[in-house]
N, C-alpha and C. Protein backbone atom coordinates (compact mmCIF):
# COMPACT_ATOMS: atom_id res chain seq x y z
N MET A 1 -15.09 -22.32 -180.71
CA MET A 1 -16.17 -22.99 -180.58
C MET A 1 -16.63 -23.63 -179.63
N ALA A 2 -17.83 -23.98 -178.90
CA ALA A 2 -17.68 -23.89 -177.42
C ALA A 2 -18.44 -26.00 -177.80
N LYS A 3 -18.42 -27.18 -177.06
CA LYS A 3 -18.93 -28.03 -177.53
C LYS A 3 -20.14 -28.26 -177.08
N GLY A 4 -21.29 -28.83 -177.38
CA GLY A 4 -21.97 -28.58 -176.49
C GLY A 4 -22.02 -29.22 -175.03
N LYS A 5 -21.54 -30.89 -175.21
CA LYS A 5 -20.98 -32.05 -173.92
C LYS A 5 -19.62 -31.62 -173.52
N ASP A 6 -18.77 -30.46 -172.53
CA ASP A 6 -17.50 -30.38 -171.78
C ASP A 6 -17.42 -32.19 -171.09
N ALA A 7 -15.90 -32.34 -171.22
CA ALA A 7 -15.58 -33.38 -170.29
C ALA A 7 -15.69 -32.58 -168.88
N ARG A 8 -14.72 -31.64 -168.98
CA ARG A 8 -15.30 -31.05 -167.50
C ARG A 8 -16.46 -29.85 -166.92
N VAL A 9 -16.64 -30.47 -165.82
CA VAL A 9 -17.50 -30.09 -165.72
C VAL A 9 -18.11 -29.05 -164.30
N ILE A 10 -18.48 -28.43 -163.19
CA ILE A 10 -18.14 -27.76 -162.15
C ILE A 10 -19.38 -28.48 -161.39
N VAL A 11 -18.65 -28.81 -160.18
CA VAL A 11 -19.88 -29.64 -159.58
C VAL A 11 -19.62 -28.67 -157.86
N LEU A 12 -20.47 -28.56 -157.10
CA LEU A 12 -20.70 -28.32 -155.58
C LEU A 12 -20.05 -29.48 -154.95
N LEU A 13 -19.29 -29.07 -153.71
CA LEU A 13 -19.61 -30.06 -152.56
C LEU A 13 -19.58 -29.67 -151.15
N GLU A 14 -20.88 -30.42 -150.52
CA GLU A 14 -21.91 -30.03 -149.61
C GLU A 14 -21.66 -31.55 -148.15
N CYS A 15 -21.42 -30.88 -146.86
CA CYS A 15 -20.79 -31.33 -145.97
C CYS A 15 -22.19 -32.13 -146.18
N THR A 16 -21.46 -33.87 -145.45
CA THR A 16 -22.73 -34.81 -145.06
C THR A 16 -23.19 -34.70 -143.65
N SER A 17 -22.15 -34.75 -143.00
CA SER A 17 -22.89 -34.46 -141.51
C SER A 17 -23.19 -33.69 -140.93
N CYS A 18 -22.85 -32.37 -141.87
CA CYS A 18 -23.66 -30.39 -141.50
C CYS A 18 -25.76 -31.44 -141.60
N VAL A 19 -25.78 -31.16 -143.32
CA VAL A 19 -27.03 -32.02 -143.48
C VAL A 19 -27.44 -33.15 -142.28
N ARG A 20 -26.86 -34.32 -141.84
CA ARG A 20 -27.61 -34.97 -141.74
C ARG A 20 -28.06 -34.61 -140.44
N ASN A 21 -27.54 -33.49 -139.60
CA ASN A 21 -27.21 -33.59 -138.48
C ASN A 21 -28.52 -31.82 -138.57
N GLY A 22 -28.34 -31.27 -139.55
CA GLY A 22 -29.87 -30.45 -139.52
C GLY A 22 -29.68 -29.26 -138.77
N LEU A 23 -28.10 -28.51 -138.70
CA LEU A 23 -28.05 -27.25 -138.63
C LEU A 23 -29.00 -27.37 -137.29
N ASN A 24 -28.31 -27.94 -136.53
CA ASN A 24 -28.15 -27.75 -134.97
C ASN A 24 -27.77 -25.86 -134.67
N LYS A 25 -28.12 -25.43 -133.21
CA LYS A 25 -27.91 -24.00 -132.55
C LYS A 25 -26.69 -24.43 -132.88
N LYS A 26 -25.13 -25.49 -132.45
CA LYS A 26 -23.94 -25.28 -132.52
C LYS A 26 -23.59 -24.84 -134.39
N SER A 27 -24.13 -25.41 -135.00
CA SER A 27 -23.72 -25.25 -136.05
C SER A 27 -24.34 -23.95 -136.62
N PRO A 28 -23.39 -22.97 -137.33
CA PRO A 28 -24.45 -21.52 -138.32
C PRO A 28 -24.58 -22.09 -139.72
N GLY A 29 -23.86 -23.32 -140.14
CA GLY A 29 -24.72 -23.21 -141.65
C GLY A 29 -23.64 -24.70 -142.06
N ILE A 30 -23.47 -24.58 -143.46
CA ILE A 30 -22.81 -25.64 -143.91
C ILE A 30 -21.97 -25.77 -144.99
N SER A 31 -20.99 -25.98 -144.54
CA SER A 31 -20.23 -26.33 -145.72
C SER A 31 -20.03 -26.24 -146.39
N ARG A 32 -19.54 -25.79 -147.88
CA ARG A 32 -19.60 -25.98 -149.27
C ARG A 32 -18.14 -25.36 -149.86
N TYR A 33 -17.89 -26.30 -151.05
CA TYR A 33 -16.22 -26.22 -152.09
C TYR A 33 -17.26 -26.19 -153.66
N ILE A 34 -16.53 -25.04 -154.01
CA ILE A 34 -16.49 -25.83 -155.48
C ILE A 34 -15.05 -26.43 -156.41
N THR A 35 -15.34 -27.24 -157.50
CA THR A 35 -14.30 -27.75 -157.52
C THR A 35 -14.77 -28.62 -158.68
N GLN A 36 -14.35 -28.70 -159.71
CA GLN A 36 -14.60 -29.61 -161.04
C GLN A 36 -14.32 -31.21 -161.24
N LYS A 37 -14.67 -31.61 -162.30
CA LYS A 37 -14.41 -33.18 -162.02
C LYS A 37 -14.50 -33.26 -163.80
N ASN A 38 -14.19 -34.70 -164.39
CA ASN A 38 -13.90 -35.49 -165.37
C ASN A 38 -15.09 -35.90 -165.72
N ARG A 39 -16.22 -35.37 -166.48
CA ARG A 39 -17.34 -36.14 -166.69
C ARG A 39 -17.33 -38.10 -167.23
N HIS A 40 -16.41 -37.71 -168.16
CA HIS A 40 -15.67 -38.96 -169.08
C HIS A 40 -15.42 -40.13 -167.55
N ASN A 41 -14.13 -39.55 -166.89
CA ASN A 41 -13.71 -40.45 -166.08
C ASN A 41 -14.40 -40.84 -164.65
N THR A 42 -15.23 -39.89 -164.76
CA THR A 42 -16.28 -39.68 -163.15
C THR A 42 -17.27 -40.14 -163.22
N PRO A 43 -17.93 -40.70 -164.12
CA PRO A 43 -20.00 -40.39 -164.46
C PRO A 43 -20.83 -40.47 -162.61
N GLY A 44 -19.64 -40.83 -161.98
CA GLY A 44 -21.19 -40.95 -160.86
C GLY A 44 -20.59 -39.59 -160.22
N ARG A 45 -21.14 -39.37 -158.56
CA ARG A 45 -21.53 -38.73 -158.30
C ARG A 45 -19.91 -38.98 -157.33
N LEU A 46 -19.78 -37.51 -157.09
CA LEU A 46 -17.41 -37.15 -156.34
C LEU A 46 -17.97 -37.12 -154.54
N GLU A 47 -17.33 -37.58 -154.08
CA GLU A 47 -16.94 -37.54 -152.61
C GLU A 47 -15.97 -37.87 -152.26
N LEU A 48 -15.45 -36.34 -151.94
CA LEU A 48 -13.92 -36.10 -151.43
C LEU A 48 -14.33 -36.59 -149.65
N ARG A 49 -13.21 -36.12 -148.67
CA ARG A 49 -12.24 -35.80 -147.65
C ARG A 49 -12.16 -34.34 -147.44
N LYS A 50 -13.09 -33.59 -147.33
CA LYS A 50 -12.94 -31.78 -146.92
C LYS A 50 -12.74 -31.32 -145.69
N PHE A 51 -12.00 -29.76 -144.76
CA PHE A 51 -12.01 -29.69 -143.94
C PHE A 51 -13.69 -29.11 -143.99
N CYS A 52 -14.45 -29.05 -142.61
CA CYS A 52 -15.62 -28.26 -142.18
C CYS A 52 -15.64 -27.64 -141.29
N SER A 53 -15.20 -26.44 -141.85
CA SER A 53 -15.75 -25.04 -140.73
C SER A 53 -16.75 -24.92 -139.65
N TYR A 54 -18.31 -25.64 -139.92
CA TYR A 54 -18.28 -25.40 -138.91
C TYR A 54 -18.70 -26.79 -138.11
N CYS A 55 -18.41 -28.20 -138.12
CA CYS A 55 -17.82 -29.17 -137.35
C CYS A 55 -16.54 -29.03 -137.05
N HIS A 56 -15.40 -28.35 -137.44
CA HIS A 56 -14.25 -28.41 -136.98
C HIS A 56 -13.60 -29.74 -137.33
N LYS A 57 -13.77 -30.27 -139.25
CA LYS A 57 -13.12 -31.85 -138.44
C LYS A 57 -13.03 -32.13 -139.93
N HIS A 58 -13.17 -33.02 -139.87
CA HIS A 58 -12.54 -33.31 -141.91
C HIS A 58 -13.50 -34.35 -142.07
N THR A 59 -14.82 -33.99 -142.63
CA THR A 59 -16.01 -35.00 -143.18
C THR A 59 -15.57 -35.20 -144.51
N ILE A 60 -16.77 -35.89 -144.98
CA ILE A 60 -17.02 -36.23 -146.29
C ILE A 60 -18.15 -35.48 -147.21
N HIS A 61 -17.78 -34.84 -147.62
CA HIS A 61 -18.14 -34.00 -148.71
C HIS A 61 -19.03 -34.50 -150.46
N GLY A 62 -20.33 -34.80 -150.59
CA GLY A 62 -20.87 -35.36 -151.42
C GLY A 62 -21.60 -34.09 -152.52
N GLU A 63 -20.91 -34.40 -153.79
CA GLU A 63 -21.49 -33.64 -154.30
C GLU A 63 -23.07 -33.27 -154.70
N ILE A 64 -23.35 -32.24 -154.47
CA ILE A 64 -24.97 -31.85 -155.33
C ILE A 64 -24.78 -31.78 -156.26
N LYS A 65 -26.76 -31.12 -156.95
CA LYS A 65 -26.64 -30.50 -158.02
C LYS A 65 -27.30 -28.72 -157.37
N LYS A 66 -26.57 -28.44 -158.65
CA LYS A 66 -26.77 -26.22 -158.40
C LYS A 66 -28.40 -25.76 -158.67
């Protein structure tokens, strides 16, 4: 049986520099990653440093709502 509130949840990570720059003409989109986090160990929003294929560098990717 599945529990109501599982510890591990799926989260989306989105590039913060692409969002801040507002999709200029050089950038065709926004970099997004899908990952999991443990809700009990990390109750706040997750931020990881990942590679953005649109910025062509490692940037901070923050958790967004689905």
